[in-house]
Amino acid sequence: TEAIPFTPPPPAYTGELPPLPVSFYAPARPPEVVRAVYTFAARHPEVLHYVPCFCGCQNSGHKDNDDCFIQSRDASGRPMWEPHGMT
């Protein structure tokens, strides 16, 4: 079998977070829950980086659950949100 290469998680971000993404659909959960999940994603990539996603978004290029909430991070780790996590 072929070994899966190790990729370290991105850096956690402890600074001020950007506003949540705007969604064309009503969030699946109450706003405070959605905010808490996005905050957790920004602050704990060391967890979500190792959690697979089961919603089928891997067909869109997502590799792990972190990708469902974080589109990218700048050099300091500040996230740019992925709207997919709103649904």
PDB file of N, CA and C in Angstrom:
ATOM      1  N   THR A   1       0.832  -1.188   0.000  1.00  0.00           N
ATOM      2  CA  THR A   1       0.000   0.000   0.000  1.00  0.00           C
ATOM      3  C   THR A   1       0.874   1.248   0.000  1.00  0.00           C
ATOM      4  N   GLU A   2       0.334   2.295  -0.531  1.00  0.00           N
ATOM      5  CA  GLU A   2       1.061   3.553  -0.630  1.00  0.00           C
ATOM      6  C   GLU A   2       0.856   4.388   0.629  1.00  0.00           C
ATOM      7  N   ALA A   3       1.943   4.930   1.152  1.00  0.00           N
ATOM      8  CA  ALA A   3       1.868   5.764   2.351  1.00  0.00           C
ATOM      9  C   ALA A   3       1.260   7.116   2.005  1.00  0.00           C
ATOM     10  N   ILE A   4       0.434   7.607   2.901  1.00  0.00           N
ATOM     11  CA  ILE A   4      -0.159   8.940   2.739  1.00  0.00           C
ATOM     12  C   ILE A   4       0.837   9.953   3.290  1.00  0.00           C
ATOM     13  N   PRO A   5       1.232  10.936   2.491  1.00  0.00           N
ATOM     14  CA  PRO A   5       2.207  11.904   2.991  1.00  0.00           C
ATOM     15  C   PRO A   5       1.631  12.755   4.121  1.00  0.00           C
ATOM     16  N   PHE A   6       2.476  13.050   5.086  1.00  0.00           N
ATOM     17  CA  PHE A   6       2.071  13.881   6.220  1.00  0.00           C
ATOM     18  C   PHE A   6       2.104  15.340   5.803  1.00  0.00           C
ATOM     19  N   THR A   7       1.032  16.039   6.067  1.00  0.00           N
ATOM     20  CA  THR A   7       1.006  17.483   5.875  1.00  0.00           C
ATOM     21  C   THR A   7       0.628  18.115   7.210  1.00  0.00           C
ATOM     22  N   PRO A   8       1.485  18.968   7.735  1.00  0.00           N
ATOM     23  CA  PRO A   8       1.170  19.588   9.030  1.00  0.00           C
ATOM     24  C   PRO A   8      -0.018  20.529   8.915  1.00  0.00           C
ATOM     25  N   PRO A   9      -0.743  20.710  10.017  1.00  0.00           N
ATOM     26  CA  PRO A   9      -1.876  21.637   9.981  1.00  0.00           C
ATOM     27  C   PRO A   9      -1.386  23.073   9.836  1.00  0.00           C
ATOM     28  N   PRO A  10      -2.238  23.954   9.339  1.00  0.00           N
ATOM     29  CA  PRO A  10      -1.871  25.370   9.265  1.00  0.00           C
ATOM     30  C   PRO A  10      -1.783  25.961  10.665  1.00  0.00           C
ATOM     31  N   PRO A  11      -1.198  27.138  10.794  1.00  0.00           N
ATOM     32  CA  PRO A  11      -1.100  27.755  12.123  1.00  0.00           C
ATOM     33  C   PRO A  11      -2.466  28.190  12.650  1.00  0.00           C
ATOM     34  N   ALA A  12      -2.628  28.084  13.954  1.00  0.00           N
ATOM     35  CA  ALA A  12      -3.844  28.595  14.594  1.00  0.00           C
ATOM     36  C   ALA A  12      -3.792  30.115  14.576  1.00  0.00           C
ATOM     37  N   TYR A  13      -4.952  30.727  14.611  1.00  0.00           N
ATOM     38  CA  TYR A  13      -5.020  32.183  14.610  1.00  0.00           C
ATOM     39  C   TYR A  13      -5.676  32.645  15.895  1.00  0.00           C
ATOM     40  N   THR A  14      -5.019  33.565  16.598  1.00  0.00           N
ATOM     41  CA  THR A  14      -5.544  34.031  17.880  1.00  0.00           C
ATOM     42  C   THR A  14      -5.994  35.487  17.841  1.00  0.00           C
ATOM     43  N   GLY A  15      -5.840  36.142  16.698  1.00  0.00           N
ATOM     44  CA  GLY A  15      -6.218  37.550  16.573  1.00  0.00           C
ATOM     45  C   GLY A  15      -7.706  37.746  16.319  1.00  0.00           C
ATOM     46  N   GLU A  16      -8.048  38.966  15.956  1.00  0.00           N
ATOM     47  CA  GLU A  16      -9.439  39.303  15.653  1.00  0.00           C
ATOM     48  C   GLU A  16      -9.860  38.601  14.367  1.00  0.00           C
ATOM     49  N   LEU A  17     -11.032  38.019  14.403  1.00  0.00           N
ATOM     50  CA  LEU A  17     -11.515  37.260  13.254  1.00  0.00           C
ATOM     51  C   LEU A  17     -12.303  38.158  12.300  1.00  0.00           C
ATOM     52  N   PRO A  18     -12.245  37.837  11.002  1.00  0.00           N
ATOM     53  CA  PRO A  18     -13.037  38.622  10.048  1.00  0.00           C
ATOM     54  C   PRO A  18     -14.528  38.328  10.208  1.00  0.00           C
ATOM     55  N   PRO A  19     -15.390  39.163   9.637  1.00  0.00           N
ATOM     56  CA  PRO A  19     -16.828  38.875   9.689  1.00  0.00           C
ATOM     57  C   PRO A  19     -17.124  37.542   9.010  1.00  0.00           C
ATOM     58  N   LEU A  20     -18.165  36.884   9.456  1.00  0.00           N
ATOM     59  CA  LEU A  20     -18.549  35.607   8.854  1.00  0.00           C
ATOM     60  C   LEU A  20     -18.969  35.807   7.413  1.00  0.00           C
ATOM     61  N   PRO A  21     -18.834  34.759   6.595  1.00  0.00           N
ATOM     62  CA  PRO A  21     -19.234  34.902   5.199  1.00  0.00           C
ATOM     63  C   PRO A  21     -20.735  35.116   5.064  1.00  0.00           C
ATOM     64  N   VAL A  22     -21.113  35.744   3.991  1.00  0.00           N
ATOM     65  CA  VAL A  22     -22.527  35.945   3.679  1.00  0.00           C
ATOM     66  C   VAL A  22     -22.979  34.739   2.864  1.00  0.00           C
ATOM     67  N   SER A  23     -24.113  34.201   3.226  1.00  0.00           N
ATOM     68  CA  SER A  23     -24.649  33.044   2.520  1.00  0.00           C
ATOM     69  C   SER A  23     -25.972  33.412   1.862  1.00  0.00           C
ATOM     70  N   PHE A  24     -26.215  32.825   0.708  1.00  0.00           N
ATOM     71  CA  PHE A  24     -27.486  33.034   0.015  1.00  0.00           C
ATOM     72  C   PHE A  24     -28.585  32.167   0.617  1.00  0.00           C
ATOM     73  N   TYR A  25     -28.180  31.226   1.461  1.00  0.00           N
ATOM     74  CA  TYR A  25     -29.119  30.306   2.096  1.00  0.00           C
ATOM     75  C   TYR A  25     -29.148  30.571   3.596  1.00  0.00           C
ATOM     76  N   ALA A  26     -30.247  30.223   4.224  1.00  0.00           N
ATOM     77  CA  ALA A  26     -30.316  30.342   5.686  1.00  0.00           C
ATOM     78  C   ALA A  26     -29.354  29.330   6.288  1.00  0.00           C
ATOM     79  N   PRO A  27     -28.544  29.728   7.275  1.00  0.00           N
ATOM     80  CA  PRO A  27     -27.639  28.776   7.913  1.00  0.00           C
ATOM     81  C   PRO A  27     -28.407  27.586   8.498  1.00  0.00           C
ATOM     82  N   ALA A  28     -27.764  26.444   8.504  1.00  0.00           N
ATOM     83  CA  ALA A  28     -28.391  25.212   9.000  1.00  0.00           C
ATOM     84  C   ALA A  28     -28.544  25.219  10.515  1.00  0.00           C
ATOM     85  N   ARG A  29     -27.828  26.096  11.194  1.00  0.00           N
ATOM     86  CA  ARG A  29     -27.862  26.174  12.655  1.00  0.00           C
ATOM     87  C   ARG A  29     -28.066  27.626  13.072  1.00  0.00           C
ATOM     88  N   PRO A  30     -28.410  27.857  14.348  1.00  0.00           N
ATOM     89  CA  PRO A  30     -28.557  29.239  14.838  1.00  0.00           C
ATOM     90  C   PRO A  30     -27.244  30.017  14.681  1.00  0.00           C
ATOM     91  N   PRO A  31     -27.330  31.339  14.503  1.00  0.00           N
ATOM     92  CA  PRO A  31     -26.132  32.160  14.268  1.00  0.00           C
ATOM     93  C   PRO A  31     -25.027  31.973  15.308  1.00  0.00           C
ATOM     94  N   GLU A  32     -25.393  31.827  16.572  1.00  0.00           N
ATOM     95  CA  GLU A  32     -24.346  31.674  17.602  1.00  0.00           C
ATOM     96  C   GLU A  32     -23.609  30.345  17.457  1.00  0.00           C
ATOM     97  N   VAL A  33     -24.280  29.314  16.977  1.00  0.00           N
ATOM     98  CA  VAL A  33     -23.627  28.018  16.747  1.00  0.00           C
ATOM     99  C   VAL A  33     -22.696  28.123  15.539  1.00  0.00           C
ATOM    100  N   VAL A  34     -23.176  28.749  14.473  1.00  0.00           N
ATOM    101  CA  VAL A  34     -22.354  28.928  13.272  1.00  0.00           C
ATOM    102  C   VAL A  34     -21.100  29.730  13.622  1.00  0.00           C
ATOM    103  N   ARG A  35     -21.262  30.804  14.372  1.00  0.00           N
ATOM    104  CA  ARG A  35     -20.113  31.627  14.782  1.00  0.00           C
ATOM    105  C   ARG A  35     -19.125  30.810  15.613  1.00  0.00           C
ATOM    106  N   ALA A  36     -19.638  29.997  16.519  1.00  0.00           N
ATOM    107  CA  ALA A  36     -18.765  29.180  17.369  1.00  0.00           C
ATOM    108  C   ALA A  36     -17.972  28.161  16.545  1.00  0.00           C
ATOM    109  N   VAL A  37     -18.607  27.569  15.551  1.00  0.00           N
ATOM    110  CA  VAL A  37     -17.913  26.579  14.718  1.00  0.00           C
ATOM    111  C   VAL A  37     -16.834  27.243  13.871  1.00  0.00           C
ATOM    112  N   TYR A  38     -17.145  28.376  13.258  1.00  0.00           N
ATOM    113  CA  TYR A  38     -16.130  29.089  12.479  1.00  0.00           C
ATOM    114  C   TYR A  38     -14.974  29.542  13.374  1.00  0.00           C
ATOM    115  N   THR A  39     -15.277  30.009  14.562  1.00  0.00           N
ATOM    116  CA  THR A  39     -14.227  30.418  15.501  1.00  0.00           C
ATOM    117  C   THR A  39     -13.355  29.226  15.864  1.00  0.00           C
ATOM    118  N   PHE A  40     -13.986  28.080  16.134  1.00  0.00           N
ATOM    119  CA  PHE A  40     -13.218  26.871  16.448  1.00  0.00           C
ATOM    120  C   PHE A  40     -12.314  26.499  15.270  1.00  0.00           C
ATOM    121  N   ALA A  41     -12.836  26.587  14.065  1.00  0.00           N
ATOM    122  CA  ALA A  41     -12.039  26.255  12.883  1.00  0.00           C
ATOM    123  C   ALA A  41     -10.817  27.164  12.766  1.00  0.00           C
ATOM    124  N   ALA A  42     -10.985  28.453  13.039  1.00  0.00           N
ATOM    125  CA  ALA A  42      -9.869  29.399  12.956  1.00  0.00           C
ATOM    126  C   ALA A  42      -8.837  29.145  14.041  1.00  0.00           C
ATOM    127  N   ARG A  43      -9.313  28.796  15.231  1.00  0.00           N
ATOM    128  CA  ARG A  43      -8.426  28.657  16.382  1.00  0.00           C
ATOM    129  C   ARG A  43      -7.835  27.254  16.558  1.00  0.00           C
ATOM    130  N   HIS A  44      -8.428  26.249  15.912  1.00  0.00           N
ATOM    131  CA  HIS A  44      -7.981  24.869  16.132  1.00  0.00           C
ATOM    132  C   HIS A  44      -7.810  24.063  14.844  1.00  0.00           C
ATOM    133  N   PRO A  45      -6.980  24.545  13.928  1.00  0.00           N
ATOM    134  CA  PRO A  45      -6.752  23.770  12.707  1.00  0.00           C
ATOM    135  C   PRO A  45      -6.081  22.433  12.993  1.00  0.00           C
ATOM    136  N   GLU A  46      -5.408  22.340  14.128  1.00  0.00           N
ATOM    137  CA  GLU A  46      -4.745  21.081  14.487  1.00  0.00           C
ATOM    138  C   GLU A  46      -5.747  19.964  14.744  1.00  0.00           C
ATOM    139  N   VAL A  47      -7.019  20.308  14.921  1.00  0.00           N
ATOM    140  CA  VAL A  47      -8.086  19.308  15.086  1.00  0.00           C
ATOM    141  C   VAL A  47      -8.752  19.045  13.740  1.00  0.00           C
ATOM    142  N   LEU A  48      -9.303  20.092  13.124  1.00  0.00           N
ATOM    143  CA  LEU A  48     -10.089  19.908  11.901  1.00  0.00           C
ATOM    144  C   LEU A  48      -9.253  19.433  10.717  1.00  0.00           C
ATOM    145  N   HIS A  49      -7.954  19.705  10.737  1.00  0.00           N
ATOM    146  CA  HIS A  49      -7.065  19.261   9.662  1.00  0.00           C
ATOM    147  C   HIS A  49      -7.045  17.730   9.556  1.00  0.00           C
ATOM    148  N   TYR A  50      -7.320  17.051  10.654  1.00  0.00           N
ATOM    149  CA  TYR A  50      -7.269  15.586  10.669  1.00  0.00           C
ATOM    150  C   TYR A  50      -8.648  14.929  10.679  1.00  0.00           C
ATOM    151  N   VAL A  51      -9.710  15.737  10.531  1.00  0.00           N
ATOM    152  CA  VAL A  51     -11.070  15.199  10.508  1.00  0.00           C
ATOM    153  C   VAL A  51     -11.552  15.176   9.058  1.00  0.00           C
ATOM    154  N   PRO A  52     -11.855  13.991   8.539  1.00  0.00           N
ATOM    155  CA  PRO A  52     -12.362  13.961   7.162  1.00  0.00           C
ATOM    156  C   PRO A  52     -13.760  14.567   7.077  1.00  0.00           C
ATOM    157  N   CYS A  53     -14.095  15.040   5.909  1.00  0.00           N
ATOM    158  CA  CYS A  53     -15.427  15.575   5.686  1.00  0.00           C
ATOM    159  C   CYS A  53     -16.276  14.497   5.035  1.00  0.00           C
ATOM    160  N   PHE A  54     -17.521  14.415   5.443  1.00  0.00           N
ATOM    161  CA  PHE A  54     -18.402  13.367   4.939  1.00  0.00           C
ATOM    162  C   PHE A  54     -19.562  13.915   4.115  1.00  0.00           C
ATOM    163  N   CYS A  55     -19.514  15.181   3.724  1.00  0.00           N
ATOM    164  CA  CYS A  55     -20.647  15.766   2.992  1.00  0.00           C
ATOM    165  C   CYS A  55     -20.464  15.698   1.481  1.00  0.00           C
ATOM    166  N   GLY A  56     -19.371  15.174   1.020  1.00  0.00           N
ATOM    167  CA  GLY A  56     -19.137  15.073  -0.412  1.00  0.00           C
ATOM    168  C   GLY A  56     -18.342  16.224  -0.989  1.00  0.00           C
ATOM    169  N   CYS A  57     -17.923  17.172  -0.160  1.00  0.00           N
ATOM    170  CA  CYS A  57     -17.214  18.333  -0.679  1.00  0.00           C
ATOM    171  C   CYS A  57     -15.797  17.989  -1.151  1.00  0.00           C
ATOM    172  N   GLN A  58     -15.325  16.783  -0.862  1.00  0.00           N
ATOM    173  CA  GLN A  58     -14.020  16.387  -1.382  1.00  0.00           C
ATOM    174  C   GLN A  58     -14.036  16.400  -2.913  1.00  0.00           C
ATOM    175  N   ASN A  59     -15.221  16.287  -3.506  1.00  0.00           N
ATOM    176  CA  ASN A  59     -15.342  16.383  -4.958  1.00  0.00           C
ATOM    177  C   ASN A  59     -15.059  17.803  -5.447  1.00  0.00           C
ATOM    178  N   SER A  60     -15.103  18.766  -4.537  1.00  0.00           N
ATOM    179  CA  SER A  60     -14.796  20.163  -4.868  1.00  0.00           C
ATOM    180  C   SER A  60     -13.364  20.525  -4.511  1.00  0.00           C
ATOM    181  N   GLY A  61     -12.584  19.546  -4.106  1.00  0.00           N
ATOM    182  CA  GLY A  61     -11.187  19.791  -3.770  1.00  0.00           C
ATOM    183  C   GLY A  61     -10.883  19.885  -2.290  1.00  0.00           C
ATOM    184  N   HIS A  62     -11.890  19.774  -1.438  1.00  0.00           N
ATOM    185  CA  HIS A  62     -11.630  19.802   0.003  1.00  0.00           C
ATOM    186  C   HIS A  62     -10.933  18.516   0.422  1.00  0.00           C
ATOM    187  N   LYS A  63      -9.918  18.661   1.273  1.00  0.00           N
ATOM    188  CA  LYS A  63      -9.157  17.505   1.739  1.00  0.00           C
ATOM    189  C   LYS A  63      -9.532  17.094   3.157  1.00  0.00           C
ATOM    190  N   ASP A  64     -10.049  18.030   3.940  1.00  0.00           N
ATOM    191  CA  ASP A  64     -10.377  17.748   5.331  1.00  0.00           C
ATOM    192  C   ASP A  64     -11.435  18.725   5.806  1.00  0.00           C
ATOM    193  N   ASN A  65     -11.876  18.576   7.038  1.00  0.00           N
ATOM    194  CA  ASN A  65     -12.957  19.400   7.571  1.00  0.00           C
ATOM    195  C   ASN A  65     -12.550  20.869   7.701  1.00  0.00           C
ATOM    196  N   ASP A  66     -11.283  21.145   7.867  1.00  0.00           N
ATOM    197  CA  ASP A  66     -10.798  22.525   7.915  1.00  0.00           C
ATOM    198  C   ASP A  66     -11.163  23.266   6.623  1.00  0.00           C
ATOM    199  N   ASP A  67     -11.108  22.563   5.492  1.00  0.00           N
ATOM    200  CA  ASP A  67     -11.425  23.176   4.206  1.00  0.00           C
ATOM    201  C   ASP A  67     -12.890  23.591   4.086  1.00  0.00           C
ATOM    202  N   CYS A  68     -13.763  23.015   4.895  1.00  0.00           N
ATOM    203  CA  CYS A  68     -15.184  23.379   4.840  1.00  0.00           C
ATOM    204  C   CYS A  68     -15.442  24.764   5.428  1.00  0.00           C
ATOM    205  N   PHE A  69     -14.520  25.256   6.248  1.00  0.00           N
ATOM    206  CA  PHE A  69     -14.703  26.532   6.939  1.00  0.00           C
ATOM    207  C   PHE A  69     -13.663  27.584   6.564  1.00  0.00           C
ATOM    208  N   ILE A  70     -12.466  27.150   6.205  1.00  0.00           N
ATOM    209  CA  ILE A  70     -11.364  28.063   5.921  1.00  0.00           C
ATOM    210  C   ILE A  70     -10.957  27.926   4.457  1.00  0.00           C
ATOM    211  N   GLN A  71     -11.119  29.013   3.693  1.00  0.00           N
ATOM    212  CA  GLN A  71     -10.740  28.993   2.282  1.00  0.00           C
ATOM    213  C   GLN A  71      -9.231  29.119   2.131  1.00  0.00           C
ATOM    214  N   SER A  72      -8.638  30.001   2.933  1.00  0.00           N
ATOM    215  CA  SER A  72      -7.188  30.195   2.926  1.00  0.00           C
ATOM    216  C   SER A  72      -6.806  30.942   4.199  1.00  0.00           C
ATOM    217  N   ARG A  73      -5.515  31.039   4.436  1.00  0.00           N
ATOM    218  CA  ARG A  73      -4.976  31.784   5.580  1.00  0.00           C
ATOM    219  C   ARG A  73      -3.817  32.623   5.089  1.00  0.00           C
ATOM    220  N   ASP A  74      -3.668  33.812   5.675  1.00  0.00           N
ATOM    221  CA  ASP A  74      -2.513  34.616   5.315  1.00  0.00           C
ATOM    222  C   ASP A  74      -1.308  34.132   6.119  1.00  0.00           C
ATOM    223  N   ALA A  75      -0.178  34.799   5.992  1.00  0.00           N
ATOM    224  CA  ALA A  75       1.054  34.353   6.648  1.00  0.00           C
ATOM    225  C   ALA A  75       0.933  34.288   8.169  1.00  0.00           C
ATOM    226  N   SER A  76       0.050  35.119   8.751  1.00  0.00           N
ATOM    227  CA  SER A  76      -0.127  35.107  10.206  1.00  0.00           C
ATOM    228  C   SER A  76      -1.127  34.050  10.662  1.00  0.00           C
ATOM    229  N   GLY A  77      -1.781  33.396   9.691  1.00  0.00           N
ATOM    230  CA  GLY A  77      -2.792  32.399  10.031  1.00  0.00           C
ATOM    231  C   GLY A  77      -4.207  32.944  10.011  1.00  0.00           C
ATOM    232  N   ARG A  78      -4.364  34.259   9.760  1.00  0.00           N
ATOM    233  CA  ARG A  78      -5.712  34.860   9.727  1.00  0.00           C
ATOM    234  C   ARG A  78      -6.519  34.220   8.608  1.00  0.00           C
ATOM    235  N   PRO A  79      -7.709  33.719   8.936  1.00  0.00           N
ATOM    236  CA  PRO A  79      -8.480  32.978   7.934  1.00  0.00           C
ATOM    237  C   PRO A  79      -9.256  33.858   6.959  1.00  0.00           C
ATOM    238  N   MET A  80      -9.433  33.315   5.789  1.00  0.00           N
ATOM    239  CA  MET A  80     -10.430  33.815   4.841  1.00  0.00           C
ATOM    240  C   MET A  80     -11.479  32.715   4.821  1.00  0.00           C
ATOM    241  N   TRP A  81     -12.698  33.054   5.170  1.00  0.00           N
ATOM    242  CA  TRP A  81     -13.735  32.049   5.366  1.00  0.00           C
ATOM    243  C   TRP A  81     -14.158  31.370   4.063  1.00  0.00           C
ATOM    244  N   GLU A  82     -14.536  30.123   4.207  1.00  0.00           N
ATOM    245  CA  GLU A  82     -15.156  29.329   3.135  1.00  0.00           C
ATOM    246  C   GLU A  82     -16.658  29.294   3.429  1.00  0.00           C
ATOM    247  N   PRO A  83     -17.510  29.808   2.562  1.00  0.00           N
ATOM    248  CA  PRO A  83     -18.942  29.842   2.827  1.00  0.00           C
ATOM    249  C   PRO A  83     -19.601  28.463   2.930  1.00  0.00           C
ATOM    250  N   HIS A  84     -18.946  27.436   2.429  1.00  0.00           N
ATOM    251  CA  HIS A  84     -19.513  26.085   2.456  1.00  0.00           C
ATOM    252  C   HIS A  84     -19.939  25.668   3.865  1.00  0.00           C
ATOM    253  N   GLY A  85     -19.216  26.088   4.872  1.00  0.00           N
ATOM    254  CA  GLY A  85     -19.520  25.709   6.250  1.00  0.00           C
ATOM    255  C   GLY A  85     -20.834  26.257   6.774  1.00  0.00           C
ATOM    256  N   MET A  86     -21.412  27.217   6.080  1.00  0.00           N
ATOM    257  CA  MET A  86     -22.690  27.805   6.509  1.00  0.00           C
ATOM    258  C   MET A  86     -23.856  26.855   6.276  1.00  0.00           C
ATOM    259  N   THR A  87     -23.692  25.914   5.350  1.00  0.00           N
ATOM    260  CA  THR A  87     -24.813  25.047   4.984  1.00  0.00           C
ATOM    261  C   THR A  87     -24.880  23.780   5.808  1.00  0.00           C
TER     262      THR A  87
END
